[in-house]
Amino acid sequence: MKVNFNGFNENVTTFLADTSVTAVGQPVKMEGNGMVAACGAGEPFCGITVGVRDGYTAVQLVGYIRVQTASQLSVGYQKLAANAAGKVAANENGREYLVLDSDSGSAGIIL
C-alpha cells in the first residue's frame, strides 16, 4: 500500500492489567475499576494493548492501529470482536470499526 495511516488520532491510556493480559496486540475489555482483561471468543473489545509491563498495560482506545486477524476482513465498517486465539475477527456481536485495509493475517482499522 502506498499510503500510511500511522499516528492518525492515536489515543493511548494506561490501565491496571489482569493476569490474562500478557502481550502487545491483545484485544482487551474492561474488567473492573481501571482494569482491563484479555477478551474471550466473541467478546467486543474496547482497545488493543500497545505495551505491557509490571501489572500495567497501555491500551490504544482511538485511532489507526494494525491488528492481527483470524482471516482477511472486508474493508469498510465491520462488526469486530476477539476470537479464541486473541486475534480480531468479524463477528455480529462485535462493535463496529472502520477497516481500511486487510490481508490474510492483519488489518488496519480505526478504533
Protein backbone atom coordinates (compact mmCIF):
# COMPACT_ATOMS: atom_id res chain seq x y z
CA MET A 1 0.00 0.00 0.00
CA LYS A 2 1.35 3.43 -0.85
CA VAL A 3 -0.37 5.47 1.88
CA ASN A 4 0.33 5.41 5.59
CA PHE A 5 -2.23 5.95 8.35
CA ASN A 6 0.16 5.51 11.31
CA GLY A 7 -0.36 8.10 14.02
CA PHE A 8 -3.86 9.09 12.94
CA ASN A 9 -5.77 10.26 16.02
CA GLU A 10 -3.92 7.84 18.38
CA ASN A 11 -5.18 7.85 21.95
CA VAL A 12 -3.48 5.56 24.48
CA THR A 13 -4.36 5.16 28.17
CA THR A 14 -2.63 3.16 30.91
CA PHE A 15 -4.72 0.61 32.83
CA LEU A 16 -4.10 -2.00 35.50
CA ALA A 17 -3.67 -5.30 33.69
CA ASP A 18 -5.45 -8.50 34.68
CA THR A 19 -3.13 -11.53 34.61
CA SER A 20 -4.75 -12.55 31.29
CA VAL A 21 -3.11 -9.54 29.59
CA THR A 22 0.32 -10.82 28.58
CA ALA A 23 1.31 -9.38 25.22
CA VAL A 24 1.18 -6.42 22.89
CA GLY A 25 -1.60 -6.69 20.31
CA GLN A 26 -4.26 -8.28 22.51
CA PRO A 27 -7.85 -7.08 22.22
CA VAL A 28 -8.98 -6.13 25.74
CA LYS A 29 -12.18 -5.37 27.63
CA MET A 30 -12.92 -3.51 30.86
CA GLU A 31 -12.69 -5.89 33.81
CA GLY A 32 -13.04 -3.62 36.84
CA ASN A 33 -12.29 -0.13 38.05
CA GLY A 34 -9.36 1.00 35.90
CA MET A 35 -8.51 -2.60 34.92
CA VAL A 36 -8.61 -4.43 31.60
CA ALA A 37 -8.53 -8.14 30.78
CA ALA A 38 -8.00 -10.11 27.58
CA CYS A 39 -11.18 -10.69 25.60
CA GLY A 40 -12.64 -14.15 25.22
CA ALA A 41 -14.00 -15.56 21.97
CA GLY A 42 -16.77 -13.39 20.53
CA GLU A 43 -16.35 -10.58 23.05
CA PRO A 44 -16.24 -6.98 21.83
CA PHE A 45 -13.06 -5.10 22.67
CA CYS A 46 -12.53 -1.56 23.92
CA GLY A 47 -8.96 -1.32 22.66
CA ILE A 48 -5.71 -3.06 21.73
CA THR A 49 -2.66 -3.38 24.01
CA VAL A 50 0.41 -1.48 22.82
CA GLY A 51 2.55 -2.09 25.91
CA VAL A 52 2.52 -4.48 28.89
CA ARG A 53 4.78 -4.17 31.94
CA ASP A 54 4.72 -4.81 35.71
CA GLY A 55 0.97 -5.23 36.06
CA TYR A 56 0.07 -2.31 33.80
CA THR A 57 -0.83 -2.07 30.15
CA ALA A 58 -1.03 0.76 27.66
CA VAL A 59 -4.19 0.39 25.59
CA GLN A 60 -4.90 2.23 22.37
CA LEU A 61 -8.56 3.27 22.52
CA VAL A 62 -8.81 5.55 19.48
CA GLY A 63 -7.09 5.97 16.13
CA TYR A 64 -5.45 3.85 13.47
CA ILE A 65 -3.87 0.56 14.54
CA ARG A 66 -2.75 -2.60 12.77
CA VAL A 67 -4.25 -5.73 14.39
CA GLN A 68 -3.70 -9.45 13.94
CA THR A 69 -6.73 -11.08 12.32
CA ALA A 70 -8.13 -14.58 12.04
CA SER A 71 -8.71 -14.07 8.30
CA GLN A 72 -8.95 -11.30 5.75
CA LEU A 73 -11.61 -8.71 6.63
CA SER A 74 -13.75 -6.74 4.22
CA VAL A 75 -12.90 -3.04 4.05
CA GLY A 76 -15.44 -0.54 5.31
CA TYR A 77 -17.40 -0.58 8.54
CA GLN A 78 -17.40 -4.07 10.06
CA LYS A 79 -18.54 -5.51 13.38
CA LEU A 80 -15.39 -6.92 15.02
CA ALA A 81 -14.70 -8.92 18.18
CA ALA A 82 -11.91 -11.06 19.61
CA ASN A 83 -11.62 -14.73 18.67
CA ALA A 84 -10.41 -17.66 20.80
CA ALA A 85 -6.80 -17.10 19.69
CA GLY A 86 -6.79 -13.47 20.84
CA LYS A 87 -6.99 -12.09 17.32
CA VAL A 88 -9.61 -9.82 15.76
CA ALA A 89 -12.38 -11.35 13.66
CA ALA A 90 -15.64 -10.32 12.02
CA ASN A 91 -18.45 -11.07 14.45
CA GLU A 92 -22.08 -9.90 14.59
CA ASN A 93 -21.75 -9.50 18.39
CA GLY A 94 -18.81 -7.11 17.98
CA ARG A 95 -18.52 -3.34 17.84
CA GLU A 96 -18.38 -1.53 14.54
CA TYR A 97 -14.95 -0.31 13.38
CA LEU A 98 -13.67 1.08 10.09
CA VAL A 99 -11.41 -1.42 8.29
CA LEU A 100 -9.04 0.48 5.96
CA ASP A 101 -7.03 -2.43 4.59
CA SER A 102 -6.67 -6.16 5.24
CA ASP A 103 -4.75 -9.25 4.22
CA SER A 104 -4.94 -12.85 5.43
CA GLY A 105 -3.30 -12.15 8.81
CA SER A 106 -3.71 -8.50 9.69
CA ALA A 107 -5.81 -5.42 9.15
CA GLY A 108 -5.51 -1.68 9.58
CA ILE A 109 -8.53 -0.37 11.50
CA ILE A 110 -9.73 2.86 13.06
CA LEU A 111 -10.79 2.28 16.65
